[in-house]
All heavy atoms as atom14 arrays in JSON, in Angstrom:
{
  "sequence": "ALEQLLGDTNWGELDYLVVDLPPGTGDTQLTLSQKVPLTGSV",
  "atom14_mask": [
    [1, 1, 1, 1, 1, 0, 0, 0, 0, 0, 0, 0, 0, 0],
    [1, 1, 1, 1, 1, 1, 1, 1, 0, 0, 0, 0, 0, 0],
    [1, 1, 1, 1, 1, 1, 1, 1, 1, 0, 0, 0, 0, 0],
    [1, 1, 1, 1, 1, 1, 1, 1, 1, 0, 0, 0, 0, 0],
    [1, 1, 1, 1, 1, 1, 1, 1, 0, 0, 0, 0, 0, 0],
    [1, 1, 1, 1, 1, 1, 1, 1, 0, 0, 0, 0, 0, 0],
    [1, 1, 1, 1, 0, 0, 0, 0, 0, 0, 0, 0, 0, 0],
    [1, 1, 1, 1, 1, 1, 1, 1, 0, 0, 0, 0, 0, 0],
    [1, 1, 1, 1, 1, 1, 1, 0, 0, 0, 0, 0, 0, 0],
    [1, 1, 1, 1, 1, 1, 1, 1, 0, 0, 0, 0, 0, 0],
    [1, 1, 1, 1, 1, 1, 1, 1, 1, 1, 1, 1, 1, 1],
    [1, 1, 1, 1, 0, 0, 0, 0, 0, 0, 0, 0, 0, 0],
    [1, 1, 1, 1, 1, 1, 1, 1, 1, 0, 0, 0, 0, 0],
    [1, 1, 1, 1, 1, 1, 1, 1, 0, 0, 0, 0, 0, 0],
    [1, 1, 1, 1, 1, 1, 1, 1, 0, 0, 0, 0, 0, 0],
    [1, 1, 1, 1, 1, 1, 1, 1, 1, 1, 1, 1, 0, 0],
    [1, 1, 1, 1, 1, 1, 1, 1, 0, 0, 0, 0, 0, 0],
    [1, 1, 1, 1, 1, 1, 1, 0, 0, 0, 0, 0, 0, 0],
    [1, 1, 1, 1, 1, 1, 1, 0, 0, 0, 0, 0, 0, 0],
    [1, 1, 1, 1, 1, 1, 1, 1, 0, 0, 0, 0, 0, 0],
    [1, 1, 1, 1, 1, 1, 1, 1, 0, 0, 0, 0, 0, 0],
    [1, 1, 1, 1, 1, 1, 1, 0, 0, 0, 0, 0, 0, 0],
    [1, 1, 1, 1, 1, 1, 1, 0, 0, 0, 0, 0, 0, 0],
    [1, 1, 1, 1, 0, 0, 0, 0, 0, 0, 0, 0, 0, 0],
    [1, 1, 1, 1, 1, 1, 1, 0, 0, 0, 0, 0, 0, 0],
    [1, 1, 1, 1, 0, 0, 0, 0, 0, 0, 0, 0, 0, 0],
    [1, 1, 1, 1, 1, 1, 1, 1, 0, 0, 0, 0, 0, 0],
    [1, 1, 1, 1, 1, 1, 1, 0, 0, 0, 0, 0, 0, 0],
    [1, 1, 1, 1, 1, 1, 1, 1, 1, 0, 0, 0, 0, 0],
    [1, 1, 1, 1, 1, 1, 1, 1, 0, 0, 0, 0, 0, 0],
    [1, 1, 1, 1, 1, 1, 1, 0, 0, 0, 0, 0, 0, 0],
    [1, 1, 1, 1, 1, 1, 1, 1, 0, 0, 0, 0, 0, 0],
    [1, 1, 1, 1, 1, 1, 0, 0, 0, 0, 0, 0, 0, 0],
    [1, 1, 1, 1, 1, 1, 1, 1, 1, 0, 0, 0, 0, 0],
    [1, 1, 1, 1, 1, 1, 1, 1, 1, 0, 0, 0, 0, 0],
    [1, 1, 1, 1, 1, 1, 1, 0, 0, 0, 0, 0, 0, 0],
    [1, 1, 1, 1, 1, 1, 1, 0, 0, 0, 0, 0, 0, 0],
    [1, 1, 1, 1, 1, 1, 1, 1, 0, 0, 0, 0, 0, 0],
    [1, 1, 1, 1, 1, 1, 1, 0, 0, 0, 0, 0, 0, 0],
    [1, 1, 1, 1, 0, 0, 0, 0, 0, 0, 0, 0, 0, 0],
    [1, 1, 1, 1, 1, 1, 0, 0, 0, 0, 0, 0, 0, 0],
    [1, 1, 1, 1, 1, 1, 1, 0, 0, 0, 0, 0, 0, 0]
  ],
  "atom14_positions": [
    [[7.06, -34.58, -16.58], [6.22, -33.44, -16.18], [6.88, -32.65, -15.05], [6.9, -31.41, -15.06], [4.84, -33.94, -15.75], [0.0, 0.0, 0.0], [0.0, 0.0, 0.0], [0.0, 0.0, 0.0], [0.0, 0.0, 0.0], [0.0, 0.0, 0.0], [0.0, 0.0, 0.0], [0.0, 0.0, 0.0], [0.0, 0.0, 0.0], [0.0, 0.0, 0.0]],
    [[7.43, -33.36, -14.06], [8.05, -32.69, -12.92], [9.29, -31.91, -13.35], [9.53, -30.79, -12.9], [8.41, -33.71, -11.85], [7.25, -34.21, -10.99], [7.72, -35.3, -10.05], [6.61, -33.08, -10.21], [0.0, 0.0, 0.0], [0.0, 0.0, 0.0], [0.0, 0.0, 0.0], [0.0, 0.0, 0.0], [0.0, 0.0, 0.0], [0.0, 0.0, 0.0]],
    [[10.09, -32.52, -14.22], [11.29, -31.83, -14.69], [10.93, -30.56, -15.45], [11.62, -29.54, -15.34], [12.12, -32.77, -15.56], [12.82, -33.86, -14.76], [13.64, -34.78, -15.64], [14.12, -34.32, -16.7], [13.81, -35.95, -15.28], [0.0, 0.0, 0.0], [0.0, 0.0, 0.0], [0.0, 0.0, 0.0], [0.0, 0.0, 0.0], [0.0, 0.0, 0.0]],
    [[9.82, -30.6, -16.2], [9.39, -29.41, -16.92], [8.85, -28.36, -15.96], [9.14, -27.17, -16.11], [8.34, -29.78, -17.96], [8.9, -30.56, -19.14], [7.84, -30.87, -20.17], [6.72, -31.24, -19.84], [8.18, -30.72, -21.44], [0.0, 0.0, 0.0], [0.0, 0.0, 0.0], [0.0, 0.0, 0.0], [0.0, 0.0, 0.0], [0.0, 0.0, 0.0]],
    [[8.07, -28.79, -14.97], [7.54, -27.83, -14.0], [8.66, -27.15, -13.24], [8.6, -25.96, -12.93], [6.6, -28.54, -13.01], [5.24, -28.98, -13.54], [4.49, -29.73, -12.45], [4.42, -27.8, -14.03], [0.0, 0.0, 0.0], [0.0, 0.0, 0.0], [0.0, 0.0, 0.0], [0.0, 0.0, 0.0], [0.0, 0.0, 0.0], [0.0, 0.0, 0.0]],
    [[9.69, -27.91, -12.94], [10.81, -27.36, -12.18], [11.71, -26.49, -13.06], [12.03, -25.35, -12.71], [11.64, -28.5, -11.58], [12.79, -28.1, -10.67], [12.26, -27.54, -9.36], [13.7, -29.3, -10.39], [0.0, 0.0, 0.0], [0.0, 0.0, 0.0], [0.0, 0.0, 0.0], [0.0, 0.0, 0.0], [0.0, 0.0, 0.0], [0.0, 0.0, 0.0]],
    [[12.11, -27.03, -14.21], [13.1, -26.35, -15.03], [12.55, -25.32, -16.0], [13.26, -24.41, -16.42], [0.0, 0.0, 0.0], [0.0, 0.0, 0.0], [0.0, 0.0, 0.0], [0.0, 0.0, 0.0], [0.0, 0.0, 0.0], [0.0, 0.0, 0.0], [0.0, 0.0, 0.0], [0.0, 0.0, 0.0], [0.0, 0.0, 0.0], [0.0, 0.0, 0.0]],
    [[11.26, -25.46, -16.37], [10.67, -24.55, -17.35], [9.81, -23.47, -16.71], [9.02, -22.8, -17.4], [9.83, -25.33, -18.38], [10.68, -26.25, -19.24], [11.91, -26.06, -19.25], [10.12, -27.16, -19.89], [0.0, 0.0, 0.0], [0.0, 0.0, 0.0], [0.0, 0.0, 0.0], [0.0, 0.0, 0.0], [0.0, 0.0, 0.0], [0.0, 0.0, 0.0]],
    [[9.93, -23.32, -15.41], [9.21, -22.25, -14.71], [10.15, -21.08, -14.47], [11.29, -21.27, -14.03], [8.65, -22.74, -13.36], [7.69, -23.78, -13.6], [7.98, -21.61, -12.59], [0.0, 0.0, 0.0], [0.0, 0.0, 0.0], [0.0, 0.0, 0.0], [0.0, 0.0, 0.0], [0.0, 0.0, 0.0], [0.0, 0.0, 0.0], [0.0, 0.0, 0.0]],
    [[9.71, -19.9, -14.76], [10.52, -18.7, -14.56], [10.43, -18.28, -13.09], [9.66, -17.38, -12.73], [10.02, -17.58, -15.48], [10.85, -16.32, -15.34], [12.0, -16.35, -14.9], [10.26, -15.19, -15.7], [0.0, 0.0, 0.0], [0.0, 0.0, 0.0], [0.0, 0.0, 0.0], [0.0, 0.0, 0.0], [0.0, 0.0, 0.0], [0.0, 0.0, 0.0]],
    [[11.22, -18.93, -12.26], [11.15, -18.69, -10.83], [11.7, -17.33, -10.43], [11.38, -16.82, -9.35], [11.94, -19.77, -10.07], [11.36, -21.15, -10.19], [11.86, -22.19, -10.92], [10.17, -21.64, -9.56], [11.07, -23.3, -10.79], [10.02, -22.99, -9.94], [9.22, -21.08, -8.7], [8.96, -23.79, -9.51], [8.16, -21.86, -8.27], [8.04, -23.19, -8.67]],
    [[12.53, -16.73, -11.27], [13.16, -15.48, -10.88], [14.27, -15.73, -9.88], [14.92, -16.78, -9.89], [0.0, 0.0, 0.0], [0.0, 0.0, 0.0], [0.0, 0.0, 0.0], [0.0, 0.0, 0.0], [0.0, 0.0, 0.0], [0.0, 0.0, 0.0], [0.0, 0.0, 0.0], [0.0, 0.0, 0.0], [0.0, 0.0, 0.0], [0.0, 0.0, 0.0]],
    [[14.5, -14.78, -8.99], [15.53, -14.91, -7.96], [14.87, -15.35, -6.65], [14.05, -14.62, -6.09], [16.25, -13.58, -7.76], [17.01, -13.1, -8.98], [18.19, -13.98, -9.32], [18.84, -14.51, -8.37], [18.48, -14.17, -10.52], [0.0, 0.0, 0.0], [0.0, 0.0, 0.0], [0.0, 0.0, 0.0], [0.0, 0.0, 0.0], [0.0, 0.0, 0.0]],
    [[15.23, -16.54, -6.19], [14.65, -17.08, -4.96], [15.73, -17.42, -3.95], [16.79, -17.93, -4.3], [13.84, -18.35, -5.25], [12.6, -18.25, -6.12], [11.96, -19.63, -6.26], [11.59, -17.26, -5.55], [0.0, 0.0, 0.0], [0.0, 0.0, 0.0], [0.0, 0.0, 0.0], [0.0, 0.0, 0.0], [0.0, 0.0, 0.0], [0.0, 0.0, 0.0]],
    [[15.45, -17.11, -2.69], [16.33, -17.57, -1.62], [16.05, -19.03, -1.29], [16.97, -19.8, -0.99], [16.12, -16.72, -0.36], [16.49, -15.26, -0.58], [17.58, -15.01, -1.13], [15.69, -14.37, -0.21], [0.0, 0.0, 0.0], [0.0, 0.0, 0.0], [0.0, 0.0, 0.0], [0.0, 0.0, 0.0], [0.0, 0.0, 0.0], [0.0, 0.0, 0.0]],
    [[14.77, -19.41, -1.34], [14.36, -20.77, -1.03], [13.25, -21.21, -1.98], [12.33, -20.44, -2.27], [13.82, -20.88, 0.4], [14.75, -20.38, 1.48], [14.57, -19.11, 2.02], [15.79, -21.17, 1.96], [15.42, -18.63, 3.01], [16.64, -20.7, 2.95], [16.45, -19.43, 3.47], [17.28, -18.96, 4.44], [0.0, 0.0, 0.0], [0.0, 0.0, 0.0]],
    [[13.36, -22.45, -2.45], [12.27, -23.09, -3.19], [11.86, -24.32, -2.39], [12.66, -25.24, -2.19], [12.71, -23.5, -4.59], [11.68, -24.3, -5.41], [10.42, -23.48, -5.64], [12.27, -24.75, -6.74], [0.0, 0.0, 0.0], [0.0, 0.0, 0.0], [0.0, 0.0, 0.0], [0.0, 0.0, 0.0], [0.0, 0.0, 0.0], [0.0, 0.0, 0.0]],
    [[10.63, -24.33, -1.9], [10.11, -25.45, -1.13], [9.44, -26.41, -2.1], [8.55, -26.01, -2.87], [9.11, -24.97, -0.06], [8.5, -26.16, 0.68], [9.79, -24.02, 0.93], [0.0, 0.0, 0.0], [0.0, 0.0, 0.0], [0.0, 0.0, 0.0], [0.0, 0.0, 0.0], [0.0, 0.0, 0.0], [0.0, 0.0, 0.0], [0.0, 0.0, 0.0]],
    [[9.87, -27.67, -2.08], [9.29, -28.69, -2.96], [8.46, -29.66, -2.12], [9.0, -30.36, -1.25], [10.39, -29.46, -3.72], [9.76, -30.52, -4.63], [11.24, -28.5, -4.55], [0.0, 0.0, 0.0], [0.0, 0.0, 0.0], [0.0, 0.0, 0.0], [0.0, 0.0, 0.0], [0.0, 0.0, 0.0], [0.0, 0.0, 0.0], [0.0, 0.0, 0.0]],
    [[7.16, -29.66, -2.38], [6.25, -30.56, -1.67], [6.26, -31.9, -2.42], [5.59, -32.05, -3.44], [4.84, -29.95, -1.64], [3.84, -30.85, -0.94], [4.28, -31.64, -0.09], [2.63, -30.75, -1.24], [0.0, 0.0, 0.0], [0.0, 0.0, 0.0], [0.0, 0.0, 0.0], [0.0, 0.0, 0.0], [0.0, 0.0, 0.0], [0.0, 0.0, 0.0]],
    [[7.02, -32.86, -1.91], [7.16, -34.16, -2.57], [5.92, -35.02, -2.36], [5.21, -34.87, -1.36], [8.37, -34.9, -2.02], [9.76, -34.35, -2.35], [10.82, -35.22, -1.68], [9.98, -34.3, -3.84], [0.0, 0.0, 0.0], [0.0, 0.0, 0.0], [0.0, 0.0, 0.0], [0.0, 0.0, 0.0], [0.0, 0.0, 0.0], [0.0, 0.0, 0.0]],
    [[5.66, -35.95, -3.28], [4.59, -36.92, -3.03], [4.96, -37.8, -1.86], [6.16, -38.0, -1.58], [4.51, -37.7, -4.34], [5.83, -37.5, -5.0], [6.31, -36.15, -4.58], [0.0, 0.0, 0.0], [0.0, 0.0, 0.0], [0.0, 0.0, 0.0], [0.0, 0.0, 0.0], [0.0, 0.0, 0.0], [0.0, 0.0, 0.0], [0.0, 0.0, 0.0]],
    [[3.99, -38.38, -1.15], [4.31, -39.24, -0.02], [4.95, -40.55, -0.48], [4.77, -40.99, -1.61], [2.95, -39.5, 0.63], [1.96, -39.3, -0.47], [2.53, -38.23, -1.35], [0.0, 0.0, 0.0], [0.0, 0.0, 0.0], [0.0, 0.0, 0.0], [0.0, 0.0, 0.0], [0.0, 0.0, 0.0], [0.0, 0.0, 0.0], [0.0, 0.0, 0.0]],
    [[5.71, -41.16, 0.42], [6.31, -42.45, 0.11], [7.77, -42.36, -0.27], [8.39, -41.29, -0.24], [0.0, 0.0, 0.0], [0.0, 0.0, 0.0], [0.0, 0.0, 0.0], [0.0, 0.0, 0.0], [0.0, 0.0, 0.0], [0.0, 0.0, 0.0], [0.0, 0.0, 0.0], [0.0, 0.0, 0.0], [0.0, 0.0, 0.0], [0.0, 0.0, 0.0]],
    [[8.32, -43.51, -0.68], [9.73, -43.6, -1.06], [9.89, -44.4, -2.34], [10.8, -45.21, -2.48], [10.56, -44.26, 0.07], [9.98, -45.54, 0.37], [10.56, -43.41, 1.31], [0.0, 0.0, 0.0], [0.0, 0.0, 0.0], [0.0, 0.0, 0.0], [0.0, 0.0, 0.0], [0.0, 0.0, 0.0], [0.0, 0.0, 0.0], [0.0, 0.0, 0.0]],
    [[8.99, -44.17, -3.3], [9.02, -44.92, -4.54], [9.94, -44.31, -5.58], [10.79, -43.47, -5.29], [0.0, 0.0, 0.0], [0.0, 0.0, 0.0], [0.0, 0.0, 0.0], [0.0, 0.0, 0.0], [0.0, 0.0, 0.0], [0.0, 0.0, 0.0], [0.0, 0.0, 0.0], [0.0, 0.0, 0.0], [0.0, 0.0, 0.0], [0.0, 0.0, 0.0]],
    [[9.72, -44.73, -6.83], [10.58, -44.31, -7.93], [10.56, -42.8, -8.13], [11.59, -42.18, -8.39], [10.15, -45.03, -9.22], [11.02, -44.64, -10.4], [12.21, -44.98, -10.38], [10.5, -43.99, -11.33], [0.0, 0.0, 0.0], [0.0, 0.0, 0.0], [0.0, 0.0, 0.0], [0.0, 0.0, 0.0], [0.0, 0.0, 0.0], [0.0, 0.0, 0.0]],
    [[9.37, -42.2, -8.02], [9.25, -40.75, -8.24], [10.09, -39.99, -7.22], [10.85, -39.08, -7.57], [7.78, -40.31, -8.14], [7.02, -41.02, -9.12], [7.65, -38.82, -8.38], [0.0, 0.0, 0.0], [0.0, 0.0, 0.0], [0.0, 0.0, 0.0], [0.0, 0.0, 0.0], [0.0, 0.0, 0.0], [0.0, 0.0, 0.0], [0.0, 0.0, 0.0]],
    [[9.95, -40.35, -5.95], [10.69, -39.66, -4.91], [12.21, -39.87, -5.07], [12.99, -38.94, -4.9], [10.26, -40.16, -3.52], [8.83, -39.82, -3.16], [7.84, -40.83, -3.71], [8.16, -41.67, -4.53], [6.6, -40.73, -3.24], [0.0, 0.0, 0.0], [0.0, 0.0, 0.0], [0.0, 0.0, 0.0], [0.0, 0.0, 0.0], [0.0, 0.0, 0.0]],
    [[12.59, -41.09, -5.41], [14.01, -41.39, -5.56], [14.61, -40.61, -6.73], [15.69, -40.02, -6.61], [14.21, -42.89, -5.77], [15.65, -43.36, -5.96], [16.47, -43.02, -4.72], [15.7, -44.86, -6.22], [0.0, 0.0, 0.0], [0.0, 0.0, 0.0], [0.0, 0.0, 0.0], [0.0, 0.0, 0.0], [0.0, 0.0, 0.0], [0.0, 0.0, 0.0]],
    [[13.9, -40.59, -7.86], [14.42, -39.88, -9.03], [14.51, -38.38, -8.76], [15.49, -37.72, -9.14], [13.53, -40.14, -10.25], [13.4, -41.55, -10.45], [14.12, -39.52, -11.51], [0.0, 0.0, 0.0], [0.0, 0.0, 0.0], [0.0, 0.0, 0.0], [0.0, 0.0, 0.0], [0.0, 0.0, 0.0], [0.0, 0.0, 0.0], [0.0, 0.0, 0.0]],
    [[13.5, -37.85, -8.09], [13.53, -36.42, -7.75], [14.73, -36.11, -6.86], [15.42, -35.11, -7.08], [12.24, -36.04, -7.03], [11.06, -35.61, -7.89], [9.81, -35.48, -7.04], [11.35, -34.3, -8.59], [0.0, 0.0, 0.0], [0.0, 0.0, 0.0], [0.0, 0.0, 0.0], [0.0, 0.0, 0.0], [0.0, 0.0, 0.0], [0.0, 0.0, 0.0]],
    [[14.96, -36.96, -5.89], [16.06, -36.69, -4.95], [17.43, -36.85, -5.62], [18.43, -36.37, -5.1], [15.96, -37.63, -3.74], [16.1, -38.97, -4.13], [0.0, 0.0, 0.0], [0.0, 0.0, 0.0], [0.0, 0.0, 0.0], [0.0, 0.0, 0.0], [0.0, 0.0, 0.0], [0.0, 0.0, 0.0], [0.0, 0.0, 0.0], [0.0, 0.0, 0.0]],
    [[17.47, -37.51, -6.78], [18.73, -37.66, -7.5], [18.93, -36.57, -8.55], [20.07, -36.27, -8.91], [18.77, -39.03, -8.18], [18.89, -40.2, -7.21], [18.78, -41.54, -7.89], [18.06, -41.7, -8.88], [19.49, -42.53, -7.37], [0.0, 0.0, 0.0], [0.0, 0.0, 0.0], [0.0, 0.0, 0.0], [0.0, 0.0, 0.0], [0.0, 0.0, 0.0]],
    [[17.85, -35.97, -9.04], [17.96, -35.01, -10.13], [17.75, -33.56, -9.71], [18.25, -32.64, -10.34], [16.97, -35.37, -11.25], [17.31, -36.64, -11.99], [16.43, -36.82, -13.21], [16.86, -38.02, -14.03], [16.04, -38.19, -15.26], [0.0, 0.0, 0.0], [0.0, 0.0, 0.0], [0.0, 0.0, 0.0], [0.0, 0.0, 0.0], [0.0, 0.0, 0.0]],
    [[16.97, -33.36, -8.66], [16.68, -32.0, -8.2], [17.77, -31.57, -7.22], [18.11, -32.33, -6.3], [15.3, -31.92, -7.53], [15.03, -30.52, -7.02], [14.21, -32.34, -8.5], [0.0, 0.0, 0.0], [0.0, 0.0, 0.0], [0.0, 0.0, 0.0], [0.0, 0.0, 0.0], [0.0, 0.0, 0.0], [0.0, 0.0, 0.0], [0.0, 0.0, 0.0]],
    [[18.36, -30.38, -7.39], [19.43, -29.93, -6.48], [18.88, -29.57, -5.11], [18.41, -28.46, -4.89], [20.0, -28.7, -7.2], [18.85, -28.17, -8.0], [18.06, -29.37, -8.43], [0.0, 0.0, 0.0], [0.0, 0.0, 0.0], [0.0, 0.0, 0.0], [0.0, 0.0, 0.0], [0.0, 0.0, 0.0], [0.0, 0.0, 0.0], [0.0, 0.0, 0.0]],
    [[18.92, -30.52, -4.19], [18.32, -30.33, -2.87], [19.36, -29.9, -1.84], [20.37, -30.56, -1.64], [17.65, -31.63, -2.41], [16.52, -32.16, -3.3], [16.02, -33.49, -2.78], [15.38, -31.16, -3.39], [0.0, 0.0, 0.0], [0.0, 0.0, 0.0], [0.0, 0.0, 0.0], [0.0, 0.0, 0.0], [0.0, 0.0, 0.0], [0.0, 0.0, 0.0]],
    [[19.07, -28.79, -1.17], [19.92, -28.33, -0.08], [19.72, -29.2, 1.15], [20.65, -29.43, 1.92], [19.62, -26.86, 0.26], [19.63, -26.09, -0.93], [20.63, -26.3, 1.24], [0.0, 0.0, 0.0], [0.0, 0.0, 0.0], [0.0, 0.0, 0.0], [0.0, 0.0, 0.0], [0.0, 0.0, 0.0], [0.0, 0.0, 0.0], [0.0, 0.0, 0.0]],
    [[18.5, -29.66, 1.34], [18.2, -30.49, 2.49], [16.76, -30.93, 2.48], [15.94, -30.42, 1.7], [0.0, 0.0, 0.0], [0.0, 0.0, 0.0], [0.0, 0.0, 0.0], [0.0, 0.0, 0.0], [0.0, 0.0, 0.0], [0.0, 0.0, 0.0], [0.0, 0.0, 0.0], [0.0, 0.0, 0.0], [0.0, 0.0, 0.0], [0.0, 0.0, 0.0]],
    [[16.43, -31.85, 3.37], [15.07, -32.38, 3.45], [14.46, -32.14, 4.82], [15.17, -32.13, 5.84], [15.07, -33.88, 3.16], [15.8, -34.58, 4.15], [0.0, 0.0, 0.0], [0.0, 0.0, 0.0], [0.0, 0.0, 0.0], [0.0, 0.0, 0.0], [0.0, 0.0, 0.0], [0.0, 0.0, 0.0], [0.0, 0.0, 0.0], [0.0, 0.0, 0.0]],
    [[13.15, -31.94, 4.82], [12.38, -31.83, 6.05], [11.39, -32.99, 6.05], [10.61, -33.15, 5.11], [11.62, -30.5, 6.13], [10.66, -30.5, 7.32], [12.59, -29.33, 6.24], [0.0, 0.0, 0.0], [0.0, 0.0, 0.0], [0.0, 0.0, 0.0], [0.0, 0.0, 0.0], [0.0, 0.0, 0.0], [0.0, 0.0, 0.0], [0.0, 0.0, 0.0]]
  ]
}
């Protein structure tokens, strides 16, 4: 579902995309951090 929301959304031209991650450090967060092109984390 997350990959579809990220990749199948017509974001247009963006300078920044802020991703509100779920809390914690489980499988979802780890997989996202490995597959989503992250410039950095806050």
